[in-house]
Amino acid sequence: MPLRSLRSPRSSRSGTVPRDAVHHPLFARCYARISTAAETRAGMGGVRERLLAGLSGRVIEIGAGNGLNFAHYPGTVAEVVAIEPERVLRKSAVEAALRAEVPVDVVPGVAEALPVKSEAFDAAVLSLVLCSVRDVPRALGEVRRVLRPGGEVRFFEHGRGGGRVMGVTQRALDRTVWPALNGGCHLSRDPVAALRDAGFEVGPYRRTLMPQKGPRLPTSYCVTGVAWRPGAAGEAG
């Protein structure tokens, strides 16, 4: 699908988003290697399979990374529009899209200004992305805008957890070296609270540890779940 058919009048009024608004080439290469190994070693492939099971219609994936979700979309999905701002990761995502069993269109863009029309999607996928967006409320406002009323959000995110000592550690790392070394990632955000604050109806969710065995790391505290955009048909987001 050509990019021009996806653009929203709102995003064009606010200015053109540079094709490489996010550029972390060293982190992107490290992340690509680590995430690919984690598919089997840490059981991430199974997490992705469960996250995406049962989706259908048109889906937008925010922050698609190197495209590891693409192989797990069920055949009931008509199309995936995958937004990825980082050039190195986007190149890998394009290669993964060519191997996917469902149509996947990889598009440059940022979560805070999605280059797509309002109410154009049946579902949105947030997979390890809210930790690194620059403006979480604005990004989730965009997700709400592009979903049809009643549209579904599937989310798998890491964030705060582990008690008082781990919480202090996460916040200290967020204030110092962690975001700079890890592509803007933050450790102490609360994705469930952020979804609620953005006006989504949060459904069932499950907190898990990744990896399930071994030492507890600042990145270990994950949550998987579903949320919905409320509202009657035709209501603006």
Protein backbone atom coordinates (compact mmCIF):
# COMPACT_ATOMS: atom_id res chain seq x y z
CA MET A 1 0.00 0.00 0.00
CA PRO A 2 1.52 3.36 -0.95
CA LEU A 3 2.33 5.67 1.93
CA ARG A 4 0.28 8.53 0.52
CA SER A 5 -2.92 6.49 0.95
CA LEU A 6 -2.23 6.17 4.66
CA ARG A 7 -1.53 9.76 5.58
CA SER A 8 -3.81 11.61 7.94
CA PRO A 9 -4.72 15.27 7.42
CA ARG A 10 -3.88 15.85 11.09
CA SER A 11 -0.31 14.63 10.70
CA SER A 12 0.25 16.72 7.57
CA ARG A 13 -0.93 19.90 9.33
CA SER A 14 1.52 19.36 12.18
CA GLY A 15 4.48 19.09 9.81
CA THR A 16 6.27 16.30 8.02
CA VAL A 17 7.93 13.75 10.26
CA PRO A 18 11.51 13.08 9.09
CA ARG A 19 12.07 9.58 7.75
CA ASP A 20 14.76 9.09 10.39
CA ALA A 21 13.32 11.01 13.32
CA VAL A 22 14.76 8.24 15.53
CA HIS A 23 18.27 7.03 14.77
CA HIS A 24 20.12 4.64 17.07
CA PRO A 25 22.21 2.50 14.70
CA LEU A 26 24.47 0.87 17.29
CA PHE A 27 21.59 0.03 19.63
CA ALA A 28 19.50 -1.18 16.68
CA ARG A 29 22.16 -3.70 15.62
CA CYS A 30 22.59 -4.96 19.19
CA TYR A 31 18.83 -5.17 19.70
CA ALA A 32 18.37 -7.12 16.47
CA ARG A 33 20.86 -9.76 17.60
CA ILE A 34 19.59 -10.02 21.17
CA SER A 35 15.90 -10.10 20.23
CA THR A 36 16.41 -12.78 17.60
CA ALA A 37 18.24 -15.00 20.09
CA ALA A 38 15.49 -14.41 22.67
CA GLU A 39 12.86 -15.89 20.36
CA THR A 40 13.87 -19.37 21.44
CA ARG A 41 16.20 -18.93 24.42
CA ALA A 42 13.83 -16.71 26.40
CA GLY A 43 10.58 -18.02 24.94
CA MET A 44 9.72 -14.76 23.21
CA GLY A 45 8.34 -16.57 20.18
CA GLY A 46 5.63 -18.11 22.34
CA VAL A 47 4.84 -14.72 23.90
CA ARG A 48 4.37 -13.20 20.46
CA GLU A 49 2.18 -16.10 19.34
CA ARG A 50 -0.15 -15.66 22.32
CA LEU A 51 -0.14 -11.88 22.02
CA LEU A 52 -1.40 -11.92 18.43
CA ALA A 53 -3.68 -14.96 18.50
CA GLY A 54 -7.22 -14.24 17.31
CA LEU A 55 -6.54 -10.89 15.67
CA SER A 56 -8.42 -10.10 12.46
CA GLY A 57 -9.01 -7.27 10.00
CA ARG A 58 -6.60 -4.35 9.56
CA VAL A 59 -3.89 -4.07 12.21
CA ILE A 60 -1.41 -1.31 12.94
CA GLU A 61 1.77 -2.25 14.79
CA ILE A 62 3.53 0.65 16.51
CA GLY A 63 7.31 0.38 16.74
CA ALA A 64 7.67 -2.86 14.80
CA GLY A 65 11.43 -3.07 15.40
CA ASN A 66 13.03 -5.78 13.27
CA GLY A 67 9.69 -7.37 12.48
CA LEU A 68 9.76 -10.40 14.76
CA ASN A 69 6.00 -10.24 15.28
CA PHE A 70 5.24 -10.61 11.58
CA ALA A 71 5.64 -14.39 11.50
CA HIS A 72 3.06 -14.79 14.27
CA TYR A 73 0.10 -12.90 12.80
CA PRO A 74 -2.80 -15.30 12.15
CA GLY A 75 -4.26 -15.73 8.68
CA THR A 76 -7.41 -13.89 9.77
CA VAL A 77 -5.46 -10.60 9.62
CA ALA A 78 -6.15 -8.86 6.32
CA GLU A 79 -3.23 -6.42 6.51
CA VAL A 80 -0.60 -5.13 8.92
CA VAL A 81 0.73 -1.57 8.69
CA ALA A 82 3.96 -1.59 10.68
CA ILE A 83 5.36 1.75 11.84
CA GLU A 84 9.09 1.84 12.58
CA PRO A 85 11.12 5.07 12.88
CA GLU A 86 14.64 3.63 13.16
CA ARG A 87 16.34 3.08 9.79
CA VAL A 88 18.38 -0.03 10.64
CA LEU A 89 15.48 -1.78 12.33
CA ARG A 90 13.12 -0.74 9.54
CA LYS A 91 15.35 -2.38 6.95
CA SER A 92 15.21 -5.64 8.90
CA ALA A 93 11.44 -5.27 9.25
CA VAL A 94 11.05 -4.92 5.48
CA GLU A 95 12.96 -8.17 5.02
CA ALA A 96 10.76 -9.88 7.62
CA ALA A 97 7.64 -8.54 5.91
CA LEU A 98 8.63 -10.30 2.68
CA ARG A 99 8.61 -13.63 4.55
CA ALA A 100 5.31 -13.04 6.38
CA GLU A 101 2.21 -15.05 5.54
CA VAL A 102 -0.03 -11.99 5.82
CA PRO A 103 0.37 -8.68 3.93
CA VAL A 104 2.69 -6.35 5.87
CA ASP A 105 3.50 -2.78 4.84
CA VAL A 106 6.46 -1.27 6.72
CA VAL A 107 6.16 2.52 7.01
CA PRO A 108 8.52 5.15 8.49
CA GLY A 109 6.97 7.25 11.21
CA VAL A 110 6.85 7.95 14.95
CA ALA A 111 4.24 6.91 17.49
CA GLU A 112 3.42 10.52 18.38
CA ALA A 113 2.39 11.39 14.80
CA LEU A 114 1.19 8.26 13.02
CA PRO A 115 1.08 8.76 9.24
CA VAL A 116 -2.31 7.05 8.85
CA LYS A 117 -5.97 8.03 8.67
CA SER A 118 -8.27 8.20 11.67
CA GLU A 119 -10.43 5.17 12.54
CA ALA A 120 -8.68 3.09 9.88
CA PHE A 121 -7.78 0.00 11.93
CA ASP A 122 -9.53 -2.80 13.77
CA ALA A 123 -6.62 -3.44 16.15
CA ALA A 124 -3.30 -2.02 17.29
CA VAL A 125 -0.27 -3.90 18.58
CA LEU A 126 2.12 -2.39 21.14
CA SER A 127 5.08 -4.69 21.67
CA LEU A 128 7.99 -3.40 23.77
CA VAL A 129 7.50 0.12 22.47
CA LEU A 130 5.95 2.31 25.19
CA CYS A 131 9.23 2.17 27.10
CA SER A 132 10.97 4.15 24.38
CA VAL A 133 8.46 6.62 22.91
CA ARG A 134 9.24 10.22 23.77
CA ASP A 135 5.68 11.22 24.72
CA VAL A 136 3.55 8.32 25.97
CA PRO A 137 0.22 10.23 26.33
CA ARG A 138 0.55 11.70 22.84
CA ALA A 139 1.49 8.32 21.36
CA LEU A 140 -1.50 6.60 22.97
CA GLY A 141 -3.71 9.45 21.83
CA GLU A 142 -2.59 8.66 18.29
CA VAL A 143 -3.35 4.97 18.81
CA ARG A 144 -6.84 5.89 19.95
CA ARG A 145 -7.28 8.17 16.95
CA VAL A 146 -6.41 5.54 14.35
CA LEU A 147 -8.51 2.75 15.89
CA ARG A 148 -12.16 2.39 14.98
CA PRO A 149 -14.59 2.72 17.92
CA GLY A 150 -14.39 -0.53 19.84
CA GLY A 151 -11.01 -1.30 18.29
CA GLU A 152 -8.64 -3.53 20.22
CA VAL A 153 -5.14 -2.94 21.59
CA ARG A 154 -2.89 -5.92 22.24
CA PHE A 155 0.07 -4.98 24.42
CA PHE A 156 3.24 -6.63 25.66
CA GLU A 157 5.42 -4.17 27.56
CA HIS A 158 8.02 -4.06 30.29
CA GLY A 159 7.98 -1.54 33.11
CA ARG A 160 8.19 -0.92 36.81
CA GLY A 161 8.12 -3.84 39.20
CA GLY A 162 10.05 -5.92 41.69
CA GLY A 163 9.45 -4.02 44.90
CA ARG A 164 11.00 -0.94 46.48
CA VAL A 165 14.68 -1.67 45.85
CA MET A 166 14.16 -2.57 42.22
CA GLY A 167 11.92 0.46 41.77
CA VAL A 168 14.65 2.76 43.08
CA THR A 169 17.15 1.07 40.75
CA GLN A 170 14.88 1.46 37.73
CA ARG A 171 14.25 5.14 38.40
CA ALA A 172 17.96 5.83 38.98
CA LEU A 173 18.88 4.16 35.69
CA ASP A 174 16.15 6.12 33.88
CA ARG A 175 17.64 9.39 35.16
CA THR A 176 21.18 8.49 34.12
CA VAL A 177 22.67 6.10 31.59
CA TRP A 178 19.91 3.69 30.57
CA PRO A 179 17.97 5.71 27.95
CA ALA A 180 21.15 6.92 26.25
CA LEU A 181 22.57 3.41 25.99
CA ASN A 182 19.34 1.67 25.02
CA GLY A 183 17.65 3.66 22.28
CA GLY A 184 15.59 5.87 24.59
CA CYS A 185 14.23 2.96 26.65
CA HIS A 186 12.87 3.68 30.15
CA LEU A 187 12.52 1.07 32.87
CA SER A 188 10.04 2.55 35.34
CA ARG A 189 7.02 3.38 33.18
CA ASP A 190 3.61 1.84 33.93
CA PRO A 191 1.99 0.78 30.63
CA VAL A 192 -1.33 -0.31 32.16
CA ALA A 193 -1.81 3.01 33.95
CA ALA A 194 -0.80 4.87 30.79
CA LEU A 195 -3.46 3.06 28.75
CA ARG A 196 -6.12 3.86 31.34
CA ASP A 197 -5.04 7.51 31.48
CA ALA A 198 -5.33 7.67 27.67
CA GLY A 199 -8.98 6.64 27.87
CA PHE A 200 -8.73 2.97 26.93
CA GLU A 201 -10.81 0.31 28.64
CA VAL A 202 -8.22 -2.12 29.98
CA GLY A 203 -9.29 -5.76 29.90
CA PRO A 204 -7.54 -8.86 31.22
CA TYR A 205 -3.79 -8.57 31.61
CA ARG A 206 -1.07 -10.76 33.03
CA ARG A 207 2.19 -9.79 34.68
CA THR A 208 5.14 -12.03 33.85
CA LEU A 209 8.89 -12.19 34.25
CA MET A 210 11.22 -12.30 31.25
CA PRO A 211 13.22 -14.42 31.35
CA GLN A 212 11.13 -16.63 33.61
CA LYS A 213 14.23 -18.27 35.08
CA GLY A 214 17.47 -16.69 36.17
CA PRO A 215 18.30 -13.36 37.81
CA ARG A 216 15.69 -10.60 38.05
CA LEU A 217 16.81 -7.74 35.83
CA PRO A 218 15.44 -4.17 35.66
CA THR A 219 13.85 -5.19 32.33
CA SER A 220 12.28 -8.41 33.64
CA TYR A 221 8.90 -7.06 34.75
CA CYS A 222 6.50 -7.44 31.85
CA VAL A 223 2.76 -7.25 31.29
CA THR A 224 0.66 -8.72 28.49
CA GLY A 225 -2.97 -7.85 27.93
CA VAL A 226 -5.75 -6.30 25.92
CA ALA A 227 -7.52 -2.93 25.92
CA TRP A 228 -10.22 -1.32 23.81
CA ARG A 229 -11.02 2.08 22.45
CA PRO A 230 -14.47 2.94 23.85
CA GLY A 231 -17.19 4.76 22.00
CA ALA A 232 -20.06 4.28 19.59
CA ALA A 233 -19.58 3.90 15.85
CA GLY A 234 -18.72 7.14 14.16
CA GLU A 235 -17.47 8.87 17.32
CA ALA A 236 -14.24 10.81 16.86
CA GLY A 237 -11.19 9.50 18.70
